[in-house]
Protein backbone atom coordinates (compact mmCIF):
# COMPACT_ATOMS: atom_id res chain seq x y z
CA UNK A 1 0.03 -0.29 0.03
CA UNK A 2 2.91 2.33 0.84
CA UNK A 3 4.61 1.27 -2.29
CA UNK A 4 1.35 2.31 -4.58
CA UNK A 5 1.15 5.61 -2.20
CA UNK A 6 4.78 6.58 -3.28
CA UNK A 7 4.32 5.60 -6.75
CA UNK A 8 1.52 7.94 -6.87
CA UNK A 9 3.45 10.65 -5.27
CA UNK A 10 6.04 10.49 -7.62
CA UNK A 11 3.88 10.57 -10.79
CA UNK A 12 2.51 13.86 -9.54
CA UNK A 13 5.93 15.18 -8.98
CA UNK A 14 6.93 17.68 -11.37
CA UNK A 15 10.35 16.46 -11.66
CA UNK A 16 8.69 13.05 -13.25
CA UNK A 17 7.77 14.96 -16.20
CA UNK A 18 9.90 17.87 -16.41
CA UNK A 19 13.40 16.76 -15.40
CA UNK A 20 15.53 18.59 -17.82
CA UNK A 21 16.45 21.46 -15.26
CA UNK A 22 18.05 19.45 -12.68
CA UNK A 23 20.99 18.32 -14.59
CA UNK A 24 21.21 22.05 -16.10
CA UNK A 25 21.40 23.21 -12.49
CA UNK A 26 24.54 20.71 -12.30
CA UNK A 27 26.06 21.30 -15.70
CA UNK A 28 29.52 22.62 -14.07
CA UNK A 29 30.35 25.00 -17.06
CA UNK A 30 26.65 26.89 -17.18
CA UNK A 31 26.80 26.96 -13.27
CA UNK A 32 30.35 28.60 -13.60
CA UNK A 33 29.32 31.18 -16.18
CA UNK A 34 26.35 32.09 -14.53
CA UNK A 35 27.84 32.78 -11.15
CA UNK A 36 30.48 34.75 -12.81
CA UNK A 37 28.07 36.82 -14.68
CA UNK A 38 26.02 37.44 -11.50
CA UNK A 39 29.10 38.37 -9.68
CA UNK A 40 30.56 40.29 -12.78
CA UNK A 41 29.66 43.82 -10.91
CA UNK A 42 32.53 43.01 -8.24
CA UNK A 43 34.62 40.90 -9.81
CA UNK A 44 35.31 41.25 -13.60
CA UNK A 45 34.55 38.48 -16.21
CA UNK A 46 38.12 38.03 -17.48
CA UNK A 47 39.36 37.54 -13.89
CA UNK A 48 36.66 34.99 -13.00
CA UNK A 49 36.48 33.36 -16.30
CA UNK A 50 40.23 33.25 -16.71
CA UNK A 51 40.56 29.27 -16.66
CA UNK A 52 37.46 28.62 -18.47
CA UNK A 53 37.55 31.07 -21.51
CA UNK A 54 40.25 29.08 -23.36
CA UNK A 55 37.92 26.03 -23.70
CA UNK A 56 34.48 27.94 -24.10
CA UNK A 57 32.56 27.23 -27.10
CA UNK A 58 29.84 28.95 -28.78
CA UNK A 59 27.76 25.92 -28.14
CA UNK A 60 28.23 26.71 -24.21
CA UNK A 61 26.75 30.00 -24.86
CA UNK A 62 23.98 28.75 -26.86
CA UNK A 63 23.10 26.59 -23.87
CA UNK A 64 23.33 29.20 -21.61
CA UNK A 65 21.02 31.44 -23.51
CA UNK A 66 18.48 28.85 -24.25
CA UNK A 67 18.52 27.20 -20.76
CA UNK A 68 19.49 30.13 -18.37
CA UNK A 69 19.09 27.78 -15.49
CA UNK A 70 19.68 30.59 -13.12
CA UNK A 71 17.29 32.89 -14.61
CA UNK A 72 19.82 35.33 -15.35
CA UNK A 73 18.65 38.91 -16.69
CA UNK A 74 18.41 39.61 -20.33
CA UNK A 75 20.66 42.47 -20.11
CA UNK A 76 23.15 40.52 -18.02
CA UNK A 77 23.28 37.85 -20.65
CA UNK A 78 23.66 40.12 -23.58
CA UNK A 79 26.55 41.91 -21.68
CA UNK A 80 28.10 38.54 -21.32
CA UNK A 81 27.59 38.10 -25.29
CA UNK A 82 29.25 41.15 -26.07
CA UNK A 83 32.18 40.34 -23.72
CA UNK A 84 32.82 37.47 -25.35
CA UNK A 85 32.73 39.15 -28.94
CA UNK A 86 35.41 41.23 -27.62
CA UNK A 87 37.62 38.36 -26.11
CA UNK A 88 40.43 37.27 -28.57
CA UNK A 89 40.41 33.76 -28.20
CA UNK A 90 36.38 33.47 -28.73
CA UNK A 91 34.64 33.53 -31.86
CA UNK A 92 30.83 33.62 -32.10
CA UNK A 93 29.11 31.24 -34.73
CA UNK A 94 26.11 32.26 -36.91
CA UNK A 95 24.28 29.95 -34.74
CA UNK A 96 25.19 31.91 -31.39
CA UNK A 97 24.18 35.19 -33.15
CA UNK A 98 21.00 33.80 -34.31
CA UNK A 99 20.08 32.22 -30.88
CA UNK A 100 20.96 35.62 -29.12
CA UNK A 101 18.78 37.45 -31.81
CA UNK A 102 15.81 35.64 -30.92
CA UNK A 103 16.66 35.86 -27.34
CA UNK A 104 16.45 39.65 -27.37
CA UNK A 105 13.30 40.14 -29.65
CA UNK A 106 11.62 37.54 -26.79
CA UNK A 107 12.42 40.14 -24.24
CA UNK A 108 11.76 43.13 -26.12
CA UNK A 109 15.02 44.62 -26.39
CA UNK A 110 14.27 45.24 -30.19
CA UNK A 111 16.99 47.97 -30.46
CA UNK A 112 19.60 45.45 -29.30
CA UNK A 113 18.44 42.68 -31.65
CA UNK A 114 18.39 45.00 -34.78
CA UNK A 115 21.83 46.25 -33.81
CA UNK A 116 22.94 42.56 -33.59
CA UNK A 117 21.28 41.51 -36.93
CA UNK A 118 22.86 44.34 -38.86
CA UNK A 119 26.41 43.50 -37.50
CA UNK A 120 25.85 39.84 -38.43
CA UNK A 121 24.82 40.96 -41.83
CA UNK A 122 27.61 43.33 -42.50
CA UNK A 123 30.22 40.66 -41.32
CA UNK A 124 28.71 37.92 -43.38
CA UNK A 125 28.31 40.30 -46.70
CA UNK A 126 26.78 39.58 -49.94
CA UNK A 127 24.99 36.34 -51.07
CA UNK A 128 24.70 35.33 -47.31
CA UNK A 129 20.69 35.70 -47.08
CA UNK A 130 20.38 31.75 -47.41
CA UNK A 131 22.87 30.80 -44.71
CA UNK A 132 21.48 33.58 -42.24
CA UNK A 133 17.76 32.56 -42.89
CA UNK A 134 18.52 28.86 -42.19
CA UNK A 135 20.39 29.52 -39.31
CA UNK A 136 17.63 31.95 -37.88
CA UNK A 137 14.99 29.31 -38.84
CA UNK A 138 16.97 26.50 -37.02
CA UNK A 139 17.24 28.61 -33.63
CA UNK A 140 13.61 30.25 -33.51
CA UNK A 141 12.06 27.59 -31.44
CA UNK A 142 8.46 28.57 -30.51
CA UNK A 143 9.58 32.43 -31.04
CA UNK A 144 7.93 34.49 -33.46
CA UNK A 145 10.30 35.60 -36.18
CA UNK A 146 8.65 38.61 -37.82
CA UNK A 147 10.78 41.08 -36.34
CA UNK A 148 13.97 39.31 -37.07
CA UNK A 149 13.03 38.82 -40.78
CA UNK A 150 12.00 42.26 -41.23
CA UNK A 151 15.37 43.52 -39.55
CA UNK A 152 17.21 41.39 -41.91
CA UNK A 153 15.63 42.64 -45.17
CA UNK A 154 15.99 46.30 -43.78
CA UNK A 155 19.85 45.54 -42.97
CA UNK A 156 20.35 43.92 -46.36
CA UNK A 157 18.51 46.92 -48.02
CA UNK A 158 20.93 49.54 -46.30
CA UNK A 159 23.94 47.81 -47.35
CA UNK A 160 22.76 47.78 -50.96
CA UNK A 161 22.35 43.91 -51.23
CA UNK A 162 19.03 44.21 -52.70
CA UNK A 163 19.30 40.46 -54.05
CA UNK A 164 19.72 39.24 -50.69
CA UNK A 165 16.80 41.08 -49.32
CA UNK A 166 14.74 39.68 -51.85
CA UNK A 167 16.01 36.52 -51.27
CA UNK A 168 14.75 36.88 -47.65
CA UNK A 169 11.34 37.66 -48.65
CA UNK A 170 11.37 34.57 -50.68
CA UNK A 171 12.73 32.22 -47.90
CA UNK A 172 9.87 33.40 -45.79
CA UNK A 173 7.12 32.54 -48.70
CA UNK A 174 8.78 29.26 -49.23
CA UNK A 175 8.52 28.26 -45.44
CA UNK A 176 5.06 29.53 -45.26
CA UNK A 177 5.86 32.46 -42.79
CA UNK A 178 4.02 35.54 -41.90
CA UNK A 179 4.71 38.41 -44.18
CA UNK A 180 7.23 40.63 -42.88
CA UNK A 181 5.44 44.11 -43.63
CA UNK A 182 8.11 46.41 -42.54
CA UNK A 183 10.86 44.61 -44.41
CA UNK A 184 8.99 44.36 -47.81
CA UNK A 185 7.66 48.05 -47.49
CA UNK A 186 11.32 49.25 -46.87
CA UNK A 187 12.74 47.40 -49.67
CA UNK A 188 10.02 48.24 -51.99
CA UNK A 189 10.35 51.86 -51.19
CA UNK A 190 14.08 51.56 -52.00
CA UNK A 191 13.91 49.39 -55.06
CA UNK A 192 11.34 52.41 -56.42
CA UNK A 193 14.33 54.84 -56.25
CA UNK A 194 17.35 52.68 -57.33
CA UNK A 195 15.84 49.77 -59.55
CA UNK A 196 14.28 49.95 -62.92
CA UNK A 197 10.27 50.50 -62.65
CA UNK A 198 9.89 46.70 -64.01
CA UNK A 199 12.12 45.12 -61.45
CA UNK A 200 10.08 46.99 -58.75
CA UNK A 201 6.85 46.05 -60.28
CA UNK A 202 7.73 42.37 -60.22
CA UNK A 203 8.85 42.72 -56.67
CA UNK A 204 5.63 44.48 -55.90
CA UNK A 205 3.59 41.81 -57.28
CA UNK A 206 5.27 39.04 -55.38
CA UNK A 207 4.64 40.66 -51.99
CA UNK A 208 1.13 41.51 -52.72
CA UNK A 209 0.36 38.01 -53.88
CA UNK A 210 1.68 37.02 -50.55
CA UNK A 211 -0.39 39.12 -48.52
CA UNK A 212 1.15 42.76 -48.51
CA UNK A 213 -1.58 45.15 -48.29
CA UNK A 214 -2.06 47.06 -51.67
CA UNK A 215 -2.33 50.93 -51.72
CA UNK A 216 -3.03 53.26 -54.88
CA UNK A 217 -0.47 55.46 -54.13
CA UNK A 218 2.33 52.82 -55.14
CA UNK A 219 0.54 51.83 -58.12
CA UNK A 220 0.33 55.56 -59.16
CA UNK A 221 4.07 55.80 -58.42
CA UNK A 222 4.79 52.74 -60.45
CA UNK A 223 2.60 53.80 -63.50
CA UNK A 224 4.44 57.05 -63.49
CA UNK A 225 7.76 55.63 -63.71
CA UNK A 226 6.89 53.11 -66.29
CA UNK A 227 5.30 56.27 -68.59
CA UNK A 228 8.38 58.25 -68.19
CA UNK A 229 10.35 55.10 -69.71
CA UNK A 230 7.50 54.83 -72.27
CA UNK A 231 6.27 51.51 -71.14
CA UNK A 232 2.72 52.56 -71.54
CA UNK A 233 1.55 48.93 -71.85
CA UNK A 234 2.89 48.06 -68.55
CA UNK A 235 1.48 51.07 -66.97
CA UNK A 236 -1.99 50.25 -68.29
CA UNK A 237 -1.64 46.69 -66.60
CA UNK A 238 -0.81 48.28 -63.49
CA UNK A 239 -3.86 50.80 -63.52
CA UNK A 240 -6.14 47.50 -64.35
CA UNK A 241 -4.34 45.89 -61.53
CA UNK A 242 -5.80 48.64 -59.07
CA UNK A 243 -9.35 47.29 -59.67
CA UNK A 244 -8.45 43.81 -59.52
CA UNK A 245 -6.79 44.10 -55.88
CA UNK A 246 -10.27 45.83 -55.01
CA UNK A 247 -9.21 49.34 -54.89
CA UNK A 248 -10.37 52.36 -56.95
CA UNK A 249 -8.56 54.38 -59.22
CA UNK A 250 -7.66 58.13 -57.82
CA UNK A 251 -7.74 61.26 -60.01
CA UNK A 252 -4.08 61.04 -60.02
CA UNK A 253 -4.11 57.32 -61.32
CA UNK A 254 -6.42 58.48 -64.32
CA UNK A 255 -4.28 61.49 -64.75
CA UNK A 256 -0.94 59.61 -64.62
CA UNK A 257 -1.94 57.36 -67.43
CA UNK A 258 -3.86 59.85 -69.56
CA UNK A 259 -0.59 61.80 -69.50
CA UNK A 260 1.71 58.77 -70.54
CA UNK A 261 -0.95 58.19 -73.40
CA UNK A 262 -0.84 61.69 -74.64
CA UNK A 263 2.87 61.98 -74.51
CA UNK A 264 3.23 58.78 -76.71
CA UNK A 265 0.84 60.30 -79.01
CA UNK A 266 -2.31 58.06 -78.37
CA UNK A 267 -4.91 60.87 -78.12
CA UNK A 268 -7.68 58.34 -78.49
CA UNK A 269 -6.67 56.30 -75.46
CA UNK A 270 -6.32 59.37 -73.24
CA UNK A 271 -9.99 60.45 -74.07
CA UNK A 272 -10.83 56.93 -73.61
CA UNK A 273 -9.68 57.36 -70.15
CA UNK A 274 -11.20 60.66 -69.47
CA UNK A 275 -14.42 59.01 -70.18
CA UNK A 276 -13.84 56.06 -68.07
CA UNK A 277 -13.02 58.66 -65.51
CA UNK A 278 -16.19 60.48 -65.63
CA UNK A 279 -18.24 57.24 -65.59
CA UNK A 280 -16.33 56.33 -62.35
CA UNK A 281 -17.40 59.45 -60.73
CA UNK A 282 -14.20 61.47 -60.79
CA UNK A 283 -14.23 64.72 -62.28
CA UNK A 284 -11.32 65.92 -64.58
CA UNK A 285 -9.47 68.35 -62.99
CA UNK A 286 -7.03 71.22 -64.65
CA UNK A 287 -4.11 68.75 -64.82
CA UNK A 288 -6.40 66.26 -66.83
CA UNK A 289 -7.46 69.11 -69.56
CA UNK A 290 -4.07 70.74 -69.79
CA UNK A 291 -2.69 67.29 -70.83
CA UNK A 292 -5.40 66.53 -73.57
CA UNK A 293 -5.08 70.21 -74.81
CA UNK A 294 -1.16 70.08 -74.97
CA UNK A 295 -1.73 66.74 -76.84
CA UNK A 296 -4.47 68.34 -79.30
CA UNK A 297 -1.89 71.44 -80.01
CA UNK A 298 0.90 69.13 -80.85
CA UNK A 299 -1.40 67.37 -83.52
CA UNK A 300 -2.40 71.09 -84.84
CA UNK A 301 -6.09 70.09 -83.67
CA UNK A 302 -6.59 73.78 -82.68
CA UNK A 303 -10.23 73.74 -82.83
CA UNK A 304 -11.09 70.74 -80.71
CA UNK A 305 -8.07 72.05 -78.23
CA UNK A 306 -9.88 75.57 -77.95
CA UNK A 307 -13.26 73.74 -77.17
CA UNK A 308 -11.63 71.69 -74.43
CA UNK A 309 -10.32 74.79 -73.11
CA UNK A 310 -13.47 76.39 -72.88
CA UNK A 311 -15.00 73.25 -71.30
CA UNK A 312 -12.30 73.37 -68.67
CA UNK A 313 -13.20 77.01 -67.79
CA UNK A 314 -16.76 76.59 -67.69
């Protein structure tokens, strides 16, 4: 009877179903590291860890971050991580950087996480997106990666590694993770400034198809850039995409495309769009009339131009 009672007691004990903390508390290396970090305000780490540092590995650091058996504060662990970064005999790995990044995000130390990821990207350089992404994914555990992937895309973009930033997004999509909204917007805005409109359009369509929210302003900017390069058919496709995405073209949308058609000498399409504009309940403004009048004048259709001018004034 006593034996059965003892068995029931053991089965109810937390140690019966959650035993990992016990050995970790008795891991001599983690214990030594934890005590040294706790006592670092009074005893410098390079003194308390002088014997251990030569044999310390990144795996030990990862275990300390993940297990944190003595519940050290996030700031003290990050301080220790930085201490090791400056120590001549120690080299962090991609794995330890990724683990610490997740840890910082989980504890809302976002500026520190962003700084660490920026450093990692600058250190690994161009064409490193696949390896960094794989490490981030491997070490994420139950953490949400949104901030990490946003930060990676932004870091690559800032360094001019646009192809790596795009690769980050495509890997997110491949693994069916959540859309890194900030990273996508940041990269798209930069591409609009430095890339061809066709390349920018291609990326924009990619992120829209994965759930990035469309907006008329971005479509208008794309149309304007395409029209400037004489790519009117592509601009028309972008215009049609506005309605397909459930949005309503604005007066700027219509004017941008009308201007593109008129400058390319296709006045018929310009007037067709003006009619479509009015049917959509949008009144042509001074810009609309000016563009059409200018197009008519170039074709020496002065009577029609004058008629349109009077219509505008009335």
